[in-house]
Amino acid sequence: MTNTLTRIHPPEDIFQRSLTAHLARPDFERLQRCSVLIAGMGGGSNIAELLVRKGVGRLTIADLDAYEPHNVRQRGSASSTWGRSKVEVMRARLLDINPHASITAVAEGVTLENVEALVASADYVVDMIDFHALKEKVALYRAARAAGKLTLTAPSIVNGAILYAC
């Protein structure tokens, strides 16, 4: 859904003060072409929003859950979104932030059947899959390693965070 203001404000205008003023045009264009798979919209919702606000042009977001009251710390969660698909809520939110972005929502989440195709479609992989989905998490890392893709994860911990790059 493109509104009138979107048509008169190309990406360069939207990101001018925050990003394009600090990057050479070829680097900014490369960032816009970059694609990131974010597996898990729990903490991944925070990462997705930060990436789209920085000008990353293509995101694939995968999660099979719906927002519930206990998800209140997550970016897409609000009382109006409880019971709704995390990826559909986040897709709309991300496009509202950057209407030029390409956002693919995968409502079945990362599965043993789709993991290789999802990894193949991305330049980078972010793992925010819940710990109880261990088979899918392992499959994600194996598919990324086989494809030579960098996988990042930043799981939440009490009073801090950890960043792994595999």
N, C-alpha and C. Protein backbone atom coordinates (compact mmCIF):
# COMPACT_ATOMS: atom_id res chain seq x y z
N MET A 1 0.83 -1.17 0.00
CA MET A 1 0.00 0.00 0.00
C MET A 1 0.88 1.25 0.00
N THR A 2 0.91 1.94 -1.10
CA THR A 2 1.74 3.11 -1.27
C THR A 2 0.85 4.34 -1.20
N ASN A 3 1.20 5.26 -0.31
CA ASN A 3 0.42 6.49 -0.25
C ASN A 3 1.14 7.60 -1.02
N THR A 4 0.50 8.73 -1.13
CA THR A 4 1.06 9.84 -1.90
C THR A 4 2.41 10.28 -1.35
N LEU A 5 2.55 10.36 -0.05
CA LEU A 5 3.81 10.79 0.54
C LEU A 5 4.94 9.82 0.23
N THR A 6 4.63 8.51 0.17
CA THR A 6 5.64 7.51 -0.16
C THR A 6 6.20 7.76 -1.55
N ARG A 7 5.33 8.07 -2.49
CA ARG A 7 5.79 8.28 -3.86
C ARG A 7 6.69 9.49 -3.98
N ILE A 8 6.47 10.51 -3.17
CA ILE A 8 7.31 11.70 -3.29
C ILE A 8 8.51 11.68 -2.35
N HIS A 9 8.62 10.64 -1.52
CA HIS A 9 9.75 10.49 -0.60
C HIS A 9 10.45 9.16 -0.88
N PRO A 10 11.41 9.16 -1.80
CA PRO A 10 12.16 7.94 -2.08
C PRO A 10 13.02 7.56 -0.87
N PRO A 11 13.56 6.34 -0.86
CA PRO A 11 14.37 5.90 0.29
C PRO A 11 15.48 6.87 0.66
N GLU A 12 16.11 7.48 -0.33
CA GLU A 12 17.21 8.41 -0.04
C GLU A 12 16.74 9.57 0.84
N ASP A 13 15.51 10.04 0.62
CA ASP A 13 14.97 11.12 1.44
C ASP A 13 14.65 10.64 2.86
N ILE A 14 14.07 9.44 2.94
CA ILE A 14 13.68 8.91 4.24
C ILE A 14 14.90 8.72 5.14
N PHE A 15 16.00 8.22 4.58
CA PHE A 15 17.17 7.88 5.37
C PHE A 15 18.27 8.93 5.32
N GLN A 16 18.05 10.06 4.67
CA GLN A 16 19.09 11.05 4.44
C GLN A 16 19.82 11.48 5.71
N ARG A 17 19.10 11.91 6.70
CA ARG A 17 19.77 12.43 7.89
C ARG A 17 20.39 11.34 8.74
N SER A 18 19.75 10.17 8.78
CA SER A 18 20.23 9.14 9.69
C SER A 18 21.22 8.17 9.07
N LEU A 19 21.23 8.05 7.75
CA LEU A 19 22.08 7.02 7.18
C LEU A 19 22.81 7.45 5.93
N THR A 20 22.10 7.94 4.92
CA THR A 20 22.78 8.21 3.65
C THR A 20 23.82 9.31 3.77
N ALA A 21 23.70 10.17 4.73
CA ALA A 21 24.72 11.20 4.91
C ALA A 21 26.04 10.61 5.40
N HIS A 22 25.98 9.38 5.93
CA HIS A 22 27.17 8.74 6.48
C HIS A 22 27.71 7.60 5.62
N LEU A 23 26.97 7.22 4.60
CA LEU A 23 27.39 6.12 3.73
C LEU A 23 27.54 6.61 2.30
N ALA A 24 28.52 6.09 1.62
CA ALA A 24 28.63 6.38 0.20
C ALA A 24 27.41 5.77 -0.51
N ARG A 25 26.98 6.38 -1.58
CA ARG A 25 25.78 5.92 -2.28
C ARG A 25 25.84 4.42 -2.63
N PRO A 26 26.96 3.88 -3.14
CA PRO A 26 27.00 2.44 -3.43
C PRO A 26 26.77 1.57 -2.19
N ASP A 27 27.28 2.03 -1.03
CA ASP A 27 27.08 1.28 0.21
C ASP A 27 25.62 1.33 0.65
N PHE A 28 25.00 2.50 0.52
CA PHE A 28 23.58 2.62 0.86
C PHE A 28 22.74 1.74 -0.06
N GLU A 29 23.05 1.72 -1.34
CA GLU A 29 22.31 0.88 -2.28
C GLU A 29 22.51 -0.60 -1.97
N ARG A 30 23.70 -0.98 -1.54
CA ARG A 30 23.96 -2.37 -1.17
C ARG A 30 23.15 -2.75 0.07
N LEU A 31 23.04 -1.82 1.01
CA LEU A 31 22.24 -2.05 2.21
C LEU A 31 20.76 -2.26 1.84
N GLN A 32 20.28 -1.47 0.90
CA GLN A 32 18.89 -1.61 0.47
C GLN A 32 18.65 -2.95 -0.23
N ARG A 33 19.66 -3.49 -0.89
CA ARG A 33 19.53 -4.79 -1.58
C ARG A 33 19.74 -5.97 -0.64
N CYS A 34 20.33 -5.72 0.51
CA CYS A 34 20.65 -6.77 1.47
C CYS A 34 19.37 -7.47 1.94
N SER A 35 19.47 -8.79 2.11
CA SER A 35 18.31 -9.54 2.61
C SER A 35 18.70 -10.28 3.89
N VAL A 36 17.79 -10.24 4.85
CA VAL A 36 18.02 -10.87 6.14
C VAL A 36 16.83 -11.75 6.48
N LEU A 37 17.11 -12.98 6.87
CA LEU A 37 16.10 -13.88 7.40
C LEU A 37 16.11 -13.74 8.91
N ILE A 38 14.98 -13.42 9.49
CA ILE A 38 14.86 -13.36 10.94
C ILE A 38 13.91 -14.49 11.35
N ALA A 39 14.49 -15.50 11.98
CA ALA A 39 13.74 -16.68 12.40
C ALA A 39 13.32 -16.49 13.85
N GLY A 40 12.05 -16.18 14.06
CA GLY A 40 11.53 -15.96 15.40
C GLY A 40 11.23 -14.49 15.63
N MET A 41 9.96 -14.18 15.88
CA MET A 41 9.56 -12.79 16.06
C MET A 41 9.37 -12.41 17.51
N GLY A 42 9.90 -13.22 18.43
CA GLY A 42 9.94 -12.79 19.83
C GLY A 42 10.91 -11.63 19.91
N GLY A 43 12.13 -11.91 20.31
CA GLY A 43 13.18 -10.90 20.29
C GLY A 43 13.52 -10.46 18.87
N GLY A 44 13.19 -11.30 17.89
CA GLY A 44 13.44 -10.96 16.50
C GLY A 44 12.64 -9.77 16.02
N SER A 45 11.51 -9.49 16.69
CA SER A 45 10.72 -8.32 16.30
C SER A 45 11.50 -7.04 16.56
N ASN A 46 12.27 -7.01 17.63
CA ASN A 46 13.10 -5.84 17.93
C ASN A 46 14.19 -5.68 16.87
N ILE A 47 14.82 -6.79 16.49
CA ILE A 47 15.88 -6.76 15.49
C ILE A 47 15.33 -6.34 14.13
N ALA A 48 14.18 -6.89 13.76
CA ALA A 48 13.56 -6.55 12.47
C ALA A 48 13.28 -5.06 12.38
N GLU A 49 12.75 -4.49 13.44
CA GLU A 49 12.45 -3.06 13.40
C GLU A 49 13.71 -2.23 13.29
N LEU A 50 14.73 -2.59 14.03
CA LEU A 50 15.98 -1.84 13.94
C LEU A 50 16.58 -1.93 12.54
N LEU A 51 16.56 -3.11 11.93
CA LEU A 51 17.12 -3.26 10.59
C LEU A 51 16.36 -2.45 9.55
N VAL A 52 15.05 -2.48 9.60
CA VAL A 52 14.27 -1.74 8.60
C VAL A 52 14.43 -0.24 8.81
N ARG A 53 14.61 0.20 10.05
CA ARG A 53 14.84 1.62 10.32
C ARG A 53 16.22 2.08 9.84
N LYS A 54 17.13 1.14 9.68
CA LYS A 54 18.48 1.47 9.20
C LYS A 54 18.62 1.34 7.69
N GLY A 55 17.57 0.90 7.01
CA GLY A 55 17.61 0.88 5.56
C GLY A 55 17.80 -0.48 4.93
N VAL A 56 17.86 -1.56 5.72
CA VAL A 56 17.93 -2.89 5.12
C VAL A 56 16.66 -3.08 4.30
N GLY A 57 16.83 -3.44 3.05
CA GLY A 57 15.71 -3.40 2.12
C GLY A 57 14.85 -4.63 2.02
N ARG A 58 15.38 -5.79 2.43
CA ARG A 58 14.61 -7.03 2.26
C ARG A 58 14.71 -7.88 3.52
N LEU A 59 13.57 -8.15 4.12
CA LEU A 59 13.52 -9.01 5.29
C LEU A 59 12.55 -10.15 5.04
N THR A 60 12.94 -11.33 5.49
CA THR A 60 12.01 -12.45 5.59
C THR A 60 11.85 -12.72 7.07
N ILE A 61 10.62 -12.64 7.55
CA ILE A 61 10.34 -12.86 8.97
C ILE A 61 9.52 -14.14 9.10
N ALA A 62 9.97 -15.03 9.99
CA ALA A 62 9.34 -16.34 10.12
C ALA A 62 9.01 -16.62 11.58
N ASP A 63 7.74 -16.92 11.84
CA ASP A 63 7.30 -17.29 13.18
C ASP A 63 5.91 -17.87 13.06
N LEU A 64 5.63 -18.93 13.80
CA LEU A 64 4.32 -19.56 13.71
C LEU A 64 3.36 -19.12 14.80
N ASP A 65 3.80 -18.29 15.70
CA ASP A 65 2.97 -17.89 16.85
C ASP A 65 2.16 -16.63 16.61
N ALA A 66 1.23 -16.41 17.53
CA ALA A 66 0.44 -15.18 17.58
C ALA A 66 0.87 -14.41 18.83
N TYR A 67 0.68 -13.10 18.81
CA TYR A 67 0.98 -12.31 20.01
C TYR A 67 -0.03 -12.62 21.10
N GLU A 68 0.46 -12.70 22.32
CA GLU A 68 -0.35 -12.94 23.51
C GLU A 68 0.06 -11.91 24.56
N PRO A 69 -0.73 -11.74 25.63
CA PRO A 69 -0.37 -10.74 26.64
C PRO A 69 1.05 -10.86 27.19
N HIS A 70 1.57 -12.07 27.34
CA HIS A 70 2.91 -12.23 27.91
C HIS A 70 4.02 -11.77 26.94
N ASN A 71 3.68 -11.42 25.70
CA ASN A 71 4.66 -10.94 24.73
C ASN A 71 4.82 -9.42 24.77
N VAL A 72 4.34 -8.77 25.78
CA VAL A 72 4.28 -7.31 25.81
C VAL A 72 5.64 -6.63 25.59
N ARG A 73 6.74 -7.28 25.91
CA ARG A 73 8.06 -6.67 25.72
C ARG A 73 8.49 -6.65 24.26
N GLN A 74 7.79 -7.37 23.40
CA GLN A 74 8.14 -7.46 21.99
C GLN A 74 7.55 -6.29 21.22
N ARG A 75 8.26 -5.81 20.19
CA ARG A 75 7.87 -4.61 19.45
C ARG A 75 6.44 -4.63 18.92
N GLY A 76 6.00 -5.73 18.34
CA GLY A 76 4.68 -5.77 17.72
C GLY A 76 3.53 -5.96 18.69
N SER A 77 3.85 -6.31 19.93
CA SER A 77 2.81 -6.67 20.88
C SER A 77 2.14 -5.44 21.50
N ALA A 78 0.83 -5.44 21.39
CA ALA A 78 -0.02 -4.44 22.04
C ALA A 78 -1.36 -5.13 22.26
N SER A 79 -2.18 -4.62 23.12
CA SER A 79 -3.45 -5.30 23.38
C SER A 79 -4.25 -5.50 22.10
N SER A 80 -4.11 -4.59 21.14
CA SER A 80 -4.84 -4.71 19.88
C SER A 80 -4.29 -5.81 18.97
N THR A 81 -3.09 -6.32 19.25
CA THR A 81 -2.50 -7.36 18.40
C THR A 81 -2.58 -8.75 19.01
N TRP A 82 -3.02 -8.86 20.26
CA TRP A 82 -3.08 -10.17 20.91
C TRP A 82 -4.03 -11.08 20.16
N GLY A 83 -3.53 -12.28 19.88
CA GLY A 83 -4.30 -13.26 19.12
C GLY A 83 -4.02 -13.20 17.63
N ARG A 84 -3.28 -12.19 17.18
CA ARG A 84 -2.97 -12.04 15.76
C ARG A 84 -1.57 -12.59 15.46
N SER A 85 -1.37 -13.05 14.23
CA SER A 85 -0.10 -13.60 13.77
C SER A 85 1.03 -12.60 13.96
N LYS A 86 2.11 -13.04 14.58
CA LYS A 86 3.26 -12.16 14.80
C LYS A 86 3.83 -11.65 13.48
N VAL A 87 3.96 -12.53 12.49
CA VAL A 87 4.57 -12.09 11.24
C VAL A 87 3.67 -11.13 10.46
N GLU A 88 2.37 -11.31 10.53
CA GLU A 88 1.48 -10.38 9.83
C GLU A 88 1.45 -9.02 10.51
N VAL A 89 1.43 -9.01 11.83
CA VAL A 89 1.48 -7.75 12.58
C VAL A 89 2.79 -7.02 12.29
N MET A 90 3.90 -7.75 12.35
CA MET A 90 5.21 -7.13 12.14
C MET A 90 5.40 -6.69 10.70
N ARG A 91 4.88 -7.45 9.75
CA ARG A 91 5.00 -7.05 8.35
C ARG A 91 4.34 -5.68 8.15
N ALA A 92 3.14 -5.53 8.66
CA ALA A 92 2.44 -4.24 8.54
C ALA A 92 3.21 -3.13 9.24
N ARG A 93 3.74 -3.42 10.43
CA ARG A 93 4.49 -2.41 11.18
C ARG A 93 5.76 -1.99 10.44
N LEU A 94 6.48 -2.97 9.90
CA LEU A 94 7.73 -2.68 9.20
C LEU A 94 7.48 -1.89 7.92
N LEU A 95 6.43 -2.22 7.20
CA LEU A 95 6.09 -1.47 5.99
C LEU A 95 5.59 -0.06 6.32
N ASP A 96 5.01 0.11 7.48
CA ASP A 96 4.59 1.44 7.91
C ASP A 96 5.82 2.30 8.21
N ILE A 97 6.88 1.68 8.70
CA ILE A 97 8.14 2.39 8.97
C ILE A 97 8.86 2.71 7.67
N ASN A 98 9.01 1.70 6.80
CA ASN A 98 9.69 1.90 5.52
C ASN A 98 8.87 1.25 4.42
N PRO A 99 8.01 2.03 3.77
CA PRO A 99 7.14 1.47 2.74
C PRO A 99 7.89 0.97 1.51
N HIS A 100 9.16 1.27 1.38
CA HIS A 100 9.96 0.80 0.25
C HIS A 100 10.57 -0.58 0.51
N ALA A 101 10.50 -1.06 1.74
CA ALA A 101 11.10 -2.35 2.08
C ALA A 101 10.28 -3.49 1.49
N SER A 102 10.94 -4.61 1.28
CA SER A 102 10.27 -5.84 0.85
C SER A 102 10.26 -6.76 2.07
N ILE A 103 9.07 -7.06 2.57
CA ILE A 103 8.93 -7.88 3.77
C ILE A 103 8.14 -9.14 3.42
N THR A 104 8.78 -10.29 3.58
CA THR A 104 8.11 -11.57 3.34
C THR A 104 7.79 -12.19 4.69
N ALA A 105 6.51 -12.48 4.92
CA ALA A 105 6.06 -13.07 6.17
C ALA A 105 5.84 -14.57 5.97
N VAL A 106 6.48 -15.38 6.81
CA VAL A 106 6.34 -16.84 6.74
C VAL A 106 5.61 -17.29 8.00
N ALA A 107 4.30 -17.47 7.87
CA ALA A 107 3.44 -17.75 9.02
C ALA A 107 3.63 -19.16 9.59
N GLU A 108 4.21 -20.08 8.83
CA GLU A 108 4.45 -21.42 9.39
C GLU A 108 5.76 -21.47 10.16
N GLY A 109 6.51 -20.36 10.17
CA GLY A 109 7.78 -20.31 10.87
C GLY A 109 8.83 -21.11 10.12
N VAL A 110 9.95 -21.34 10.77
CA VAL A 110 11.02 -22.17 10.20
C VAL A 110 10.65 -23.61 10.49
N THR A 111 10.60 -24.41 9.44
CA THR A 111 10.29 -25.84 9.59
C THR A 111 11.43 -26.66 8.98
N LEU A 112 11.42 -27.94 9.28
CA LEU A 112 12.43 -28.82 8.69
C LEU A 112 12.28 -28.86 7.18
N GLU A 113 11.07 -28.61 6.69
CA GLU A 113 10.81 -28.65 5.26
C GLU A 113 11.21 -27.36 4.53
N ASN A 114 11.11 -26.21 5.17
CA ASN A 114 11.37 -24.94 4.46
C ASN A 114 12.70 -24.27 4.81
N VAL A 115 13.44 -24.81 5.76
CA VAL A 115 14.62 -24.13 6.28
C VAL A 115 15.67 -23.88 5.20
N GLU A 116 15.92 -24.84 4.34
CA GLU A 116 16.96 -24.64 3.32
C GLU A 116 16.57 -23.53 2.34
N ALA A 117 15.32 -23.50 1.93
CA ALA A 117 14.86 -22.45 1.00
C ALA A 117 14.91 -21.08 1.67
N LEU A 118 14.52 -21.01 2.93
CA LEU A 118 14.56 -19.72 3.64
C LEU A 118 16.00 -19.21 3.75
N VAL A 119 16.91 -20.07 4.12
CA VAL A 119 18.32 -19.68 4.24
C VAL A 119 18.87 -19.27 2.88
N ALA A 120 18.53 -20.02 1.84
CA ALA A 120 19.03 -19.70 0.50
C ALA A 120 18.56 -18.34 0.02
N SER A 121 17.41 -17.87 0.51
CA SER A 121 16.85 -16.59 0.05
C SER A 121 17.47 -15.38 0.74
N ALA A 122 18.34 -15.60 1.72
CA ALA A 122 18.86 -14.49 2.53
C ALA A 122 20.37 -14.37 2.43
N ASP A 123 20.85 -13.14 2.61
CA ASP A 123 22.29 -12.90 2.71
C ASP A 123 22.79 -13.22 4.12
N TYR A 124 21.96 -12.93 5.12
CA TYR A 124 22.30 -13.14 6.53
C TYR A 124 21.13 -13.81 7.22
N VAL A 125 21.44 -14.53 8.30
CA VAL A 125 20.44 -15.25 9.06
C VAL A 125 20.51 -14.81 10.51
N VAL A 126 19.36 -14.50 11.09
CA VAL A 126 19.27 -14.16 12.51
C VAL A 126 18.42 -15.22 13.18
N ASP A 127 18.98 -15.89 14.18
CA ASP A 127 18.27 -16.93 14.91
C ASP A 127 17.70 -16.37 16.20
N MET A 128 16.38 -16.27 16.24
CA MET A 128 15.68 -15.91 17.47
C MET A 128 14.57 -16.93 17.75
N ILE A 129 14.80 -18.16 17.26
CA ILE A 129 13.84 -19.25 17.47
C ILE A 129 13.82 -19.61 18.95
N ASP A 130 12.62 -19.88 19.47
CA ASP A 130 12.48 -20.29 20.87
C ASP A 130 13.30 -21.55 21.14
N PHE A 131 13.81 -21.65 22.36
CA PHE A 131 14.65 -22.79 22.73
C PHE A 131 13.91 -24.12 22.66
N HIS A 132 12.59 -24.11 22.84
CA HIS A 132 11.84 -25.37 22.80
C HIS A 132 11.74 -25.94 21.38
N ALA A 133 12.07 -25.17 20.36
CA ALA A 133 12.05 -25.64 18.97
C ALA A 133 13.47 -26.03 18.56
N LEU A 134 14.06 -26.92 19.32
CA LEU A 134 15.47 -27.26 19.14
C LEU A 134 15.75 -27.89 17.77
N LYS A 135 14.87 -28.74 17.27
CA LYS A 135 15.10 -29.37 15.96
C LYS A 135 15.20 -28.31 14.87
N GLU A 136 14.30 -27.32 14.90
CA GLU A 136 14.29 -26.27 13.89
C GLU A 136 15.51 -25.36 14.04
N LYS A 137 15.89 -25.09 15.28
CA LYS A 137 17.07 -24.27 15.54
C LYS A 137 18.32 -24.93 14.98
N VAL A 138 18.50 -26.22 15.25
CA VAL A 138 19.66 -26.96 14.76
C VAL A 138 19.63 -26.99 13.23
N ALA A 139 18.45 -27.23 12.66
CA ALA A 139 18.32 -27.28 11.19
C ALA A 139 18.69 -25.93 10.58
N LEU A 140 18.32 -24.84 11.23
CA LEU A 140 18.65 -23.50 10.74
C LEU A 140 20.17 -23.32 10.68
N TYR A 141 20.87 -23.67 11.74
CA TYR A 141 22.32 -23.52 11.77
C TYR A 141 23.00 -24.43 10.75
N ARG A 142 22.50 -25.64 10.61
CA ARG A 142 23.09 -26.56 9.64
C ARG A 142 22.89 -26.05 8.21
N ALA A 143 21.70 -25.57 7.92
CA ALA A 143 21.43 -25.04 6.57
C ALA A 143 22.28 -23.81 6.29
N ALA A 144 22.42 -22.94 7.27
CA ALA A 144 23.24 -21.73 7.10
C ALA A 144 24.70 -22.10 6.89
N ARG A 145 25.19 -23.03 7.69
CA ARG A 145 26.59 -23.44 7.54
C ARG A 145 26.82 -24.07 6.17
N ALA A 146 25.91 -24.92 5.71
CA ALA A 146 26.04 -25.56 4.40
C ALA A 146 26.02 -24.53 3.28
N ALA A 147 25.29 -23.44 3.47
CA ALA A 147 25.19 -22.39 2.46
C ALA A 147 26.27 -21.33 2.62
N GLY A 148 27.11 -21.45 3.64
CA GLY A 148 28.17 -20.46 3.87
C GLY A 148 27.63 -19.12 4.35
N LYS A 149 26.52 -19.14 5.06
CA LYS A 149 25.90 -17.90 5.54
C LYS A 149 26.23 -17.66 7.01
N LEU A 150 26.45 -16.41 7.34
CA LEU A 150 26.66 -16.00 8.72
C LEU A 150 25.33 -16.05 9.47
N THR A 151 25.34 -16.63 10.65
CA THR A 151 24.15 -16.69 11.50
C THR A 151 24.44 -15.93 12.78
N LEU A 152 23.54 -15.03 13.12
CA LEU A 152 23.67 -14.24 14.35
C LEU A 152 22.52 -14.58 15.28
N THR A 153 22.78 -14.53 16.57
CA THR A 153 21.71 -14.66 17.54
C THR A 153 22.06 -13.78 18.73
N ALA A 154 21.05 -13.23 19.34
CA ALA A 154 21.24 -12.37 20.51
C ALA A 154 20.15 -12.69 21.52
N PRO A 155 20.24 -13.86 22.16
CA PRO A 155 19.18 -14.25 23.09
C PRO A 155 19.14 -13.35 24.31
N SER A 156 17.95 -13.14 24.82
CA SER A 156 17.78 -12.32 26.02
C SER A 156 18.22 -13.13 27.24
N ILE A 157 18.90 -12.44 28.13
CA ILE A 157 19.22 -13.02 29.43
C ILE A 157 18.87 -11.98 30.48
N VAL A 158 18.76 -12.39 31.71
CA VAL A 158 18.40 -11.47 32.78
C VAL A 158 19.47 -10.39 32.92
N ASN A 159 19.05 -9.13 32.90
CA ASN A 159 19.94 -7.99 33.10
C ASN A 159 21.09 -7.91 32.11
N GLY A 160 20.86 -8.31 30.87
CA GLY A 160 21.91 -8.20 29.88
C GLY A 160 21.56 -8.93 28.60
N ALA A 161 22.57 -9.16 27.79
CA ALA A 161 22.35 -9.87 26.53
C ALA A 161 23.66 -10.52 26.11
N ILE A 162 23.52 -11.47 25.20
CA ILE A 162 24.66 -12.17 24.63
C ILE A 162 24.51 -12.07 23.12
N LEU A 163 25.60 -11.91 22.38
CA LEU A 163 25.57 -11.95 20.93
C LEU A 163 26.51 -13.04 20.47
N TYR A 164 25.94 -14.01 19.74
CA TYR A 164 26.74 -15.08 19.15
C TYR A 164 26.77 -14.86 17.65
N ALA A 165 27.90 -15.08 17.02
CA ALA A 165 28.01 -15.06 15.57
C ALA A 165 28.63 -16.40 15.16
N CYS A 166 27.88 -17.20 14.42
CA CYS A 166 28.35 -18.54 14.04
C CYS A 166 28.49 -18.64 12.55
